[in-house]
């Protein structure tokens, strides 16, 4: 792979982002989710990875309904041909860096142990009631102590359609 450029999604990227999301998952549910989060204003960071003149990866962070000041990381997608080359990791790290710099308090993710490399921890999310609660529900504090109180972790409403 040639050099990877990470940048904010722009309006002309929408169809290419949808294609990457649709190719990376078994259904178009995640592609629909991205469209809905964009439309309802929940999307905070929508970053694309560009290599060889095309969008090869995408990540979206959206504003959680609770806890206040938190984001949800989902989805992250990379075209098959570009997987295992660090595209997703670069996208996630850039979005986390921006979130921390912009004063967000925490980020939640539903995923496997892959996310632990970024500091996500299921123990950090365990004090939060969520339909996603369990060993794959993780959180990362961007501000020390931000998640100490626990409570409810509520994603933006378009996540409910994902099932």
C-alpha atoms as a PDB file:
ATOM      1  CA  UNK A   1       0.000   0.000   0.000  1.00  0.00           C
ATOM      2  CA  UNK A   2       1.214   3.475  -0.750  1.00  0.00           C
ATOM      3  CA  UNK A   3       0.964   6.215   1.820  1.00  0.00           C
ATOM      4  CA  UNK A   4      -2.278   6.518   3.779  1.00  0.00           C
ATOM      5  CA  UNK A   5      -3.896   9.940   4.100  1.00  0.00           C
ATOM      6  CA  UNK A   6      -6.420  10.443   6.879  1.00  0.00           C
ATOM      7  CA  UNK A   7      -8.834  13.323   6.532  1.00  0.00           C
ATOM      8  CA  UNK A   8     -12.336  14.459   7.387  1.00  0.00           C
ATOM      9  CA  UNK A   9     -15.077  13.083   5.220  1.00  0.00           C
ATOM     10  CA  UNK A  10     -16.396  15.660   2.734  1.00  0.00           C
ATOM     11  CA  UNK A  11     -19.818  15.614   1.016  1.00  0.00           C
ATOM     12  CA  UNK A  12     -18.415  14.119  -2.188  1.00  0.00           C
ATOM     13  CA  UNK A  13     -17.155  11.119  -0.144  1.00  0.00           C
ATOM     14  CA  UNK A  14     -20.597   9.929   0.990  1.00  0.00           C
ATOM     15  CA  UNK A  15     -21.109   7.300  -1.740  1.00  0.00           C
ATOM     16  CA  UNK A  16     -17.554   5.977  -1.430  1.00  0.00           C
ATOM     17  CA  UNK A  17     -17.900   5.747   2.364  1.00  0.00           C
ATOM     18  CA  UNK A  18     -21.165   3.856   1.912  1.00  0.00           C
ATOM     19  CA  UNK A  19     -19.440   1.459  -0.491  1.00  0.00           C
ATOM     20  CA  UNK A  20     -16.611   0.800   2.004  1.00  0.00           C
ATOM     21  CA  UNK A  21     -19.090   0.169   4.836  1.00  0.00           C
ATOM     22  CA  UNK A  22     -21.248  -2.100   2.667  1.00  0.00           C
ATOM     23  CA  UNK A  23     -18.212  -4.097   1.514  1.00  0.00           C
ATOM     24  CA  UNK A  24     -16.834  -4.540   5.033  1.00  0.00           C
ATOM     25  CA  UNK A  25     -19.967  -5.964   6.678  1.00  0.00           C
ATOM     26  CA  UNK A  26     -22.347  -8.810   5.802  1.00  0.00           C
ATOM     27  CA  UNK A  27     -25.360  -6.477   5.481  1.00  0.00           C
ATOM     28  CA  UNK A  28     -25.860  -2.805   4.686  1.00  0.00           C
ATOM     29  CA  UNK A  29     -26.847  -2.123   8.303  1.00  0.00           C
ATOM     30  CA  UNK A  30     -23.626  -0.268   9.145  1.00  0.00           C
ATOM     31  CA  UNK A  31     -23.770   1.736   5.906  1.00  0.00           C
ATOM     32  CA  UNK A  32     -27.344   2.730   6.785  1.00  0.00           C
ATOM     33  CA  UNK A  33     -26.228   3.583  10.334  1.00  0.00           C
ATOM     34  CA  UNK A  34     -23.549   5.958   9.029  1.00  0.00           C
ATOM     35  CA  UNK A  35     -26.103   7.686   6.779  1.00  0.00           C
ATOM     36  CA  UNK A  36     -28.576   8.043   9.661  1.00  0.00           C
ATOM     37  CA  UNK A  37     -25.977   9.345  12.130  1.00  0.00           C
ATOM     38  CA  UNK A  38     -24.890  11.904   9.553  1.00  0.00           C
ATOM     39  CA  UNK A  39     -28.496  12.944   8.858  1.00  0.00           C
ATOM     40  CA  UNK A  40     -29.619  13.299  12.477  1.00  0.00           C
ATOM     41  CA  UNK A  41     -26.528  15.294  13.464  1.00  0.00           C
ATOM     42  CA  UNK A  42     -25.111  12.680  15.837  1.00  0.00           C
ATOM     43  CA  UNK A  43     -21.879  12.190  13.865  1.00  0.00           C
ATOM     44  CA  UNK A  44     -18.979  14.080  15.439  1.00  0.00           C
ATOM     45  CA  UNK A  45     -15.992  12.619  13.583  1.00  0.00           C
ATOM     46  CA  UNK A  46     -16.266  10.903  10.229  1.00  0.00           C
ATOM     47  CA  UNK A  47     -12.767  10.217   8.975  1.00  0.00           C
ATOM     48  CA  UNK A  48     -11.656   8.510   5.801  1.00  0.00           C
ATOM     49  CA  UNK A  49      -8.443   6.748   4.942  1.00  0.00           C
ATOM     50  CA  UNK A  50      -7.309   7.402   1.384  1.00  0.00           C
ATOM     51  CA  UNK A  51      -4.698   5.270  -0.384  1.00  0.00           C
ATOM     52  CA  UNK A  52      -3.868   4.997  -4.054  1.00  0.00           C
ATOM     53  CA  UNK A  53      -6.388   7.738  -4.811  1.00  0.00           C
ATOM     54  CA  UNK A  54      -9.422   6.050  -3.268  1.00  0.00           C
ATOM     55  CA  UNK A  55     -11.189   5.762   0.054  1.00  0.00           C
ATOM     56  CA  UNK A  56     -10.112   2.464   1.597  1.00  0.00           C
ATOM     57  CA  UNK A  57     -11.285   2.944   5.191  1.00  0.00           C
ATOM     58  CA  UNK A  58     -13.730   4.883   7.345  1.00  0.00           C
ATOM     59  CA  UNK A  59     -14.430   5.462  11.020  1.00  0.00           C
ATOM     60  CA  UNK A  60     -17.273   7.331  12.699  1.00  0.00           C
ATOM     61  CA  UNK A  61     -17.532   8.608  16.264  1.00  0.00           C
ATOM     62  CA  UNK A  62     -20.998   9.821  17.275  1.00  0.00           C
ATOM     63  CA  UNK A  63     -22.325  11.702  20.289  1.00  0.00           C
ATOM     64  CA  UNK A  64     -23.739   9.409  22.961  1.00  0.00           C
ATOM     65  CA  UNK A  65     -27.027  10.447  24.550  1.00  0.00           C
ATOM     66  CA  UNK A  66     -25.423   9.511  27.872  1.00  0.00           C
ATOM     67  CA  UNK A  67     -23.114   9.774  29.670  1.00  0.00           C
ATOM     68  CA  UNK A  68     -22.675  13.434  28.884  1.00  0.00           C
ATOM     69  CA  UNK A  69     -19.557  14.283  26.925  1.00  0.00           C
ATOM     70  CA  UNK A  70     -19.087  10.754  25.583  1.00  0.00           C
ATOM     71  CA  UNK A  71     -18.741   9.353  22.090  1.00  0.00           C
ATOM     72  CA  UNK A  72     -19.500   5.993  20.528  1.00  0.00           C
ATOM     73  CA  UNK A  73     -16.961   4.485  18.138  1.00  0.00           C
ATOM     74  CA  UNK A  74     -18.853   2.700  15.378  1.00  0.00           C
ATOM     75  CA  UNK A  75     -18.524   1.682  12.757  1.00  0.00           C
ATOM     76  CA  UNK A  76     -14.992   1.250  11.512  1.00  0.00           C
ATOM     77  CA  UNK A  77     -14.545  -0.357   8.107  1.00  0.00           C
ATOM     78  CA  UNK A  78     -11.656  -1.146   5.778  1.00  0.00           C
ATOM     79  CA  UNK A  79     -11.777  -2.672   2.308  1.00  0.00           C
ATOM     80  CA  UNK A  80     -10.566  -6.297   2.279  1.00  0.00           C
ATOM     81  CA  UNK A  81      -7.542  -5.553   0.126  1.00  0.00           C
ATOM     82  CA  UNK A  82      -6.279  -2.993   2.676  1.00  0.00           C
ATOM     83  CA  UNK A  83      -6.902  -4.942   5.896  1.00  0.00           C
ATOM     84  CA  UNK A  84      -4.048  -5.966   8.192  1.00  0.00           C
ATOM     85  CA  UNK A  85      -2.093  -2.885   7.089  1.00  0.00           C
ATOM     86  CA  UNK A  86      -2.947  -0.554   9.977  1.00  0.00           C
ATOM     87  CA  UNK A  87      -5.664   1.454   8.239  1.00  0.00           C
ATOM     88  CA  UNK A  88      -8.264   0.968  10.988  1.00  0.00           C
ATOM     89  CA  UNK A  89      -5.690   1.653  13.709  1.00  0.00           C
ATOM     90  CA  UNK A  90      -4.606   4.913  12.061  1.00  0.00           C
ATOM     91  CA  UNK A  91      -8.240   6.025  11.688  1.00  0.00           C
ATOM     92  CA  UNK A  92      -9.098   5.172  15.300  1.00  0.00           C
ATOM     93  CA  UNK A  93      -5.975   6.823  16.729  1.00  0.00           C
ATOM     94  CA  UNK A  94      -6.592  10.018  14.758  1.00  0.00           C
ATOM     95  CA  UNK A  95     -10.225  10.207  15.880  1.00  0.00           C
ATOM     96  CA  UNK A  96      -9.261   9.526  19.514  1.00  0.00           C
ATOM     97  CA  UNK A  97      -6.594  12.225  19.328  1.00  0.00           C
ATOM     98  CA  UNK A  98      -9.118  14.744  18.000  1.00  0.00           C
ATOM     99  CA  UNK A  99     -11.696  13.754  20.610  1.00  0.00           C
ATOM    100  CA  UNK A 100      -9.222  14.224  23.457  1.00  0.00           C
ATOM    101  CA  UNK A 101      -8.020  17.569  22.059  1.00  0.00           C
ATOM    102  CA  UNK A 102     -11.629  18.735  21.681  1.00  0.00           C
ATOM    103  CA  UNK A 103     -12.444  17.981  25.326  1.00  0.00           C
ATOM    104  CA  UNK A 104     -14.604  14.862  25.009  1.00  0.00           C
ATOM    105  CA  UNK A 105     -14.658  12.849  28.236  1.00  0.00           C
ATOM    106  CA  UNK A 106     -14.878   9.214  27.099  1.00  0.00           C
ATOM    107  CA  UNK A 107     -15.485   6.829  24.204  1.00  0.00           C
ATOM    108  CA  UNK A 108     -17.489   3.581  24.172  1.00  0.00           C
ATOM    109  CA  UNK A 109     -17.146   0.703  21.721  1.00  0.00           C
ATOM    110  CA  UNK A 110     -18.690  -2.705  21.215  1.00  0.00           C
ATOM    111  CA  UNK A 111     -16.013  -5.004  19.877  1.00  0.00           C
ATOM    112  CA  UNK A 112     -13.393  -7.645  20.444  1.00  0.00           C
ATOM    113  CA  UNK A 113     -10.003  -7.500  22.125  1.00  0.00           C
ATOM    114  CA  UNK A 114      -8.593  -5.582  19.131  1.00  0.00           C
ATOM    115  CA  UNK A 115      -9.780  -2.351  20.801  1.00  0.00           C
ATOM    116  CA  UNK A 116      -7.751  -2.960  23.948  1.00  0.00           C
ATOM    117  CA  UNK A 117      -4.626  -1.784  22.066  1.00  0.00           C
ATOM    118  CA  UNK A 118      -6.128   1.726  22.119  1.00  0.00           C
ATOM    119  CA  UNK A 119      -6.857   1.564  25.860  1.00  0.00           C
ATOM    120  CA  UNK A 120     -10.478   0.395  25.737  1.00  0.00           C
ATOM    121  CA  UNK A 121     -11.373  -1.786  28.708  1.00  0.00           C
ATOM    122  CA  UNK A 122     -14.549  -3.774  29.452  1.00  0.00           C
ATOM    123  CA  UNK A 123     -14.092  -3.036  33.174  1.00  0.00           C
ATOM    124  CA  UNK A 124     -14.415   0.675  32.402  1.00  0.00           C
ATOM    125  CA  UNK A 125     -17.837   0.065  30.798  1.00  0.00           C
ATOM    126  CA  UNK A 126     -19.079  -2.454  33.371  1.00  0.00           C
ATOM    127  CA  UNK A 127     -20.657   0.224  35.592  1.00  0.00           C
ATOM    128  CA  UNK A 128     -22.940   1.341  32.741  1.00  0.00           C
ATOM    129  CA  UNK A 129     -26.359  -0.055  31.943  1.00  0.00           C
ATOM    130  CA  UNK A 130     -26.619  -0.679  28.222  1.00  0.00           C
ATOM    131  CA  UNK A 131     -28.283  -3.100  25.818  1.00  0.00           C
ATOM    132  CA  UNK A 132     -24.707  -3.880  24.752  1.00  0.00           C
ATOM    133  CA  UNK A 133     -23.462  -4.673  28.269  1.00  0.00           C
ATOM    134  CA  UNK A 134     -21.152  -7.648  28.464  1.00  0.00           C
ATOM    135  CA  UNK A 135     -17.542  -8.622  27.821  1.00  0.00           C
ATOM    136  CA  UNK A 136     -17.432  -6.910  24.408  1.00  0.00           C
ATOM    137  CA  UNK A 137     -18.711  -3.550  25.678  1.00  0.00           C
ATOM    138  CA  UNK A 138     -15.711  -1.347  26.455  1.00  0.00           C
ATOM    139  CA  UNK A 139     -14.897   2.228  27.325  1.00  0.00           C
ATOM    140  CA  UNK A 140     -11.910   4.530  27.308  1.00  0.00           C
ATOM    141  CA  UNK A 141     -11.596   7.626  29.488  1.00  0.00           C
ATOM    142  CA  UNK A 142     -10.205  10.643  27.682  1.00  0.00           C
ATOM    143  CA  UNK A 143     -10.381  12.631  30.926  1.00  0.00           C
ATOM    144  CA  UNK A 144      -9.304  10.890  34.118  1.00  0.00           C
ATOM    145  CA  UNK A 145     -12.258   9.934  36.316  1.00  0.00           C
ATOM    146  CA  UNK A 146     -14.855  10.788  33.665  1.00  0.00           C
ATOM    147  CA  UNK A 147     -16.587   7.409  33.985  1.00  0.00           C
ATOM    148  CA  UNK A 148     -16.199   6.905  37.749  1.00  0.00           C
ATOM    149  CA  UNK A 149     -19.884   7.521  38.515  1.00  0.00           C
ATOM    150  CA  UNK A 150     -21.248   4.858  36.146  1.00  0.00           C
ATOM    151  CA  UNK A 151     -24.844   5.190  34.992  1.00  0.00           C
ATOM    152  CA  UNK A 152     -26.392   4.541  31.623  1.00  0.00           C
ATOM    153  CA  UNK A 153     -24.584   4.343  28.291  1.00  0.00           C
ATOM    154  CA  UNK A 154     -27.066   5.318  25.629  1.00  0.00           C
ATOM    155  CA  UNK A 155     -26.090   5.454  21.967  1.00  0.00           C
ATOM    156  CA  UNK A 156     -27.784   7.773  19.458  1.00  0.00           C
ATOM    157  CA  UNK A 157     -31.204   6.485  18.360  1.00  0.00           C
ATOM    158  CA  UNK A 158     -30.084   5.197  14.915  1.00  0.00           C
ATOM    159  CA  UNK A 159     -28.179   2.393  16.689  1.00  0.00           C
ATOM    160  CA  UNK A 160     -31.497   0.828  17.723  1.00  0.00           C
ATOM    161  CA  UNK A 161     -32.159  -0.105  14.077  1.00  0.00           C
ATOM    162  CA  UNK A 162     -28.929  -2.092  13.898  1.00  0.00           C
ATOM    163  CA  UNK A 163     -30.410  -4.801  16.098  1.00  0.00           C
END
